[in-house]
Amino acid sequence: MTDGSTIYLVEQGQATDLVHRTANIVIHELVGVLRPFYRDGRYIPDLLRPRDHVTIDPAVRGGMPVIEGTRVPYDEIAALLRDGVPAARIADY
């Protein structure tokens, strides 16, 4: 990650300045990056909650988006729907 003047290695809520102070740890919070925003006229959703009923939790499947309250990956459900499987039959899979 960069702020324009240096490069940070970001790990678990803290960042290490790799250019100027390689031995110093800098506390860095990514809350602003994770909130919804607009870029070039495109809406970028909340990265921690990209869709209704989809959650992202580092403790569940390594942070992969899953169906809320399950460990079922969102992309697997989306692929079934894209392949024409009716929503009512998804639970069969």
C-alpha atoms as a PDB file:
ATOM      1  CA  MET A   1       0.000   0.000   0.000  1.00  0.00           C
ATOM      2  CA  THR A   2       1.226   3.526  -0.634  1.00  0.00           C
ATOM      3  CA  ASP A   3       0.301   7.023   0.494  1.00  0.00           C
ATOM      4  CA  GLY A   4       2.273   8.675  -2.317  1.00  0.00           C
ATOM      5  CA  SER A   5       5.396   9.321  -0.257  1.00  0.00           C
ATOM      6  CA  THR A   6       6.312   5.818   0.886  1.00  0.00           C
ATOM      7  CA  ILE A   7       5.293   2.168   0.631  1.00  0.00           C
ATOM      8  CA  TYR A   8       3.749   0.227   3.516  1.00  0.00           C
ATOM      9  CA  LEU A   9       3.532  -3.497   4.148  1.00  0.00           C
ATOM     10  CA  VAL A  10       0.089  -3.882   5.757  1.00  0.00           C
ATOM     11  CA  GLU A  11      -0.468  -6.828   8.099  1.00  0.00           C
ATOM     12  CA  GLN A  12      -3.260  -7.372  10.642  1.00  0.00           C
ATOM     13  CA  GLY A  13      -4.059  -3.743  11.460  1.00  0.00           C
ATOM     14  CA  GLN A  14      -0.537  -2.350  11.296  1.00  0.00           C
ATOM     15  CA  ALA A  15       1.771  -1.189   8.542  1.00  0.00           C
ATOM     16  CA  THR A  16       5.550  -1.207   8.191  1.00  0.00           C
ATOM     17  CA  ASP A  17       7.156   1.658   6.262  1.00  0.00           C
ATOM     18  CA  LEU A  18       9.369  -0.181   3.744  1.00  0.00           C
ATOM     19  CA  VAL A  19      11.063   2.899   2.288  1.00  0.00           C
ATOM     20  CA  HIS A  20      11.888   5.404   5.045  1.00  0.00           C
ATOM     21  CA  ARG A  21      11.742   3.608   8.367  1.00  0.00           C
ATOM     22  CA  THR A  22      11.984  -0.126   7.729  1.00  0.00           C
ATOM     23  CA  ALA A  23      12.239  -0.931  11.446  1.00  0.00           C
ATOM     24  CA  ASN A  24       9.276   1.178  12.598  1.00  0.00           C
ATOM     25  CA  ILE A  25       5.718  -0.114  12.818  1.00  0.00           C
ATOM     26  CA  VAL A  26       2.977   2.333  11.867  1.00  0.00           C
ATOM     27  CA  ILE A  27      -0.594   1.747  13.051  1.00  0.00           C
ATOM     28  CA  HIS A  28      -2.785   1.954   9.993  1.00  0.00           C
ATOM     29  CA  GLU A  29      -6.544   1.596   9.754  1.00  0.00           C
ATOM     30  CA  LEU A  30      -8.237   0.731   6.458  1.00  0.00           C
ATOM     31  CA  VAL A  31     -11.764   1.725   7.413  1.00  0.00           C
ATOM     32  CA  GLY A  32     -11.980   4.456   4.761  1.00  0.00           C
ATOM     33  CA  VAL A  33     -10.874   2.070   2.012  1.00  0.00           C
ATOM     34  CA  LEU A  34     -13.471  -0.508   2.971  1.00  0.00           C
ATOM     35  CA  ARG A  35     -16.458   1.865   2.900  1.00  0.00           C
ATOM     36  CA  PRO A  36     -18.503   2.319  -0.290  1.00  0.00           C
ATOM     37  CA  PHE A  37     -17.252   5.014  -2.671  1.00  0.00           C
ATOM     38  CA  TYR A  38     -17.488   6.276  -6.256  1.00  0.00           C
ATOM     39  CA  ARG A  39     -14.619   6.151  -8.729  1.00  0.00           C
ATOM     40  CA  ASP A  40     -14.832   7.379 -12.308  1.00  0.00           C
ATOM     41  CA  GLY A  41     -18.625   7.443 -11.979  1.00  0.00           C
ATOM     42  CA  ARG A  42     -18.783   3.793 -10.854  1.00  0.00           C
ATOM     43  CA  TYR A  43     -20.156   2.780  -7.468  1.00  0.00           C
ATOM     44  CA  ILE A  44     -17.736   0.552  -5.511  1.00  0.00           C
ATOM     45  CA  PRO A  45     -19.669  -1.380  -2.824  1.00  0.00           C
ATOM     46  CA  ASP A  46     -18.722  -1.818   0.810  1.00  0.00           C
ATOM     47  CA  LEU A  47     -15.876  -4.323   0.588  1.00  0.00           C
ATOM     48  CA  LEU A  48     -16.769  -5.977   3.897  1.00  0.00           C
ATOM     49  CA  ARG A  49     -20.437  -6.372   2.931  1.00  0.00           C
ATOM     50  CA  PRO A  50     -20.612  -6.308  -0.881  1.00  0.00           C
ATOM     51  CA  ARG A  51     -24.204  -7.646  -1.197  1.00  0.00           C
ATOM     52  CA  ASP A  52     -27.215  -8.347   1.005  1.00  0.00           C
ATOM     53  CA  HIS A  53     -26.895 -11.781   2.648  1.00  0.00           C
ATOM     54  CA  VAL A  54     -23.173 -12.033   1.773  1.00  0.00           C
ATOM     55  CA  THR A  55     -20.542 -11.670   4.486  1.00  0.00           C
ATOM     56  CA  ILE A  56     -16.772 -11.498   4.585  1.00  0.00           C
ATOM     57  CA  ASP A  57     -15.022 -12.660   7.735  1.00  0.00           C
ATOM     58  CA  PRO A  58     -11.300 -13.541   7.835  1.00  0.00           C
ATOM     59  CA  ALA A  59     -12.167 -16.358  10.274  1.00  0.00           C
ATOM     60  CA  VAL A  60     -14.560 -17.994   7.773  1.00  0.00           C
ATOM     61  CA  ARG A  61     -12.951 -19.565   4.683  1.00  0.00           C
ATOM     62  CA  GLY A  62     -10.034 -17.138   4.882  1.00  0.00           C
ATOM     63  CA  GLY A  63     -12.197 -14.095   4.169  1.00  0.00           C
ATOM     64  CA  MET A  64     -13.820 -15.468   1.014  1.00  0.00           C
ATOM     65  CA  PRO A  65     -17.322 -13.980   0.510  1.00  0.00           C
ATOM     66  CA  VAL A  66     -19.905 -16.484   1.795  1.00  0.00           C
ATOM     67  CA  ILE A  67     -23.679 -16.680   2.113  1.00  0.00           C
ATOM     68  CA  GLU A  68     -24.568 -15.085   5.464  1.00  0.00           C
ATOM     69  CA  GLY A  69     -24.701 -17.602   8.303  1.00  0.00           C
ATOM     70  CA  THR A  70     -23.001 -20.360   6.262  1.00  0.00           C
ATOM     71  CA  ARG A  71     -19.608 -21.348   4.912  1.00  0.00           C
ATOM     72  CA  VAL A  72     -21.009 -21.629   1.357  1.00  0.00           C
ATOM     73  CA  PRO A  73     -18.946 -19.480  -1.049  1.00  0.00           C
ATOM     74  CA  TYR A  74     -20.910 -16.748  -2.796  1.00  0.00           C
ATOM     75  CA  ASP A  75     -19.202 -17.408  -6.126  1.00  0.00           C
ATOM     76  CA  GLU A  76     -20.415 -21.025  -6.177  1.00  0.00           C
ATOM     77  CA  ILE A  77     -24.042 -19.926  -5.743  1.00  0.00           C
ATOM     78  CA  ALA A  78     -23.613 -17.196  -8.355  1.00  0.00           C
ATOM     79  CA  ALA A  79     -22.173 -19.755 -10.804  1.00  0.00           C
ATOM     80  CA  LEU A  80     -25.166 -22.073 -10.316  1.00  0.00           C
ATOM     81  CA  LEU A  81     -27.588 -19.208 -10.965  1.00  0.00           C
ATOM     82  CA  ARG A  82     -25.560 -18.106 -13.995  1.00  0.00           C
ATOM     83  CA  ASP A  83     -25.762 -21.690 -15.325  1.00  0.00           C
ATOM     84  CA  GLY A  84     -29.558 -21.521 -15.159  1.00  0.00           C
ATOM     85  CA  VAL A  85     -30.225 -23.481 -11.964  1.00  0.00           C
ATOM     86  CA  PRO A  86     -33.479 -22.111 -10.462  1.00  0.00           C
ATOM     87  CA  ALA A  87     -32.982 -20.405  -7.084  1.00  0.00           C
ATOM     88  CA  ALA A  88     -35.446 -22.825  -5.474  1.00  0.00           C
ATOM     89  CA  ARG A  89     -33.170 -25.763  -6.448  1.00  0.00           C
ATOM     90  CA  ILE A  90     -29.858 -24.298  -5.194  1.00  0.00           C
ATOM     91  CA  ALA A  91     -30.244 -26.022  -1.792  1.00  0.00           C
ATOM     92  CA  ASP A  92     -30.254 -29.385  -3.626  1.00  0.00           C
ATOM     93  CA  TYR A  93     -26.628 -28.774  -4.588  1.00  0.00           C
END
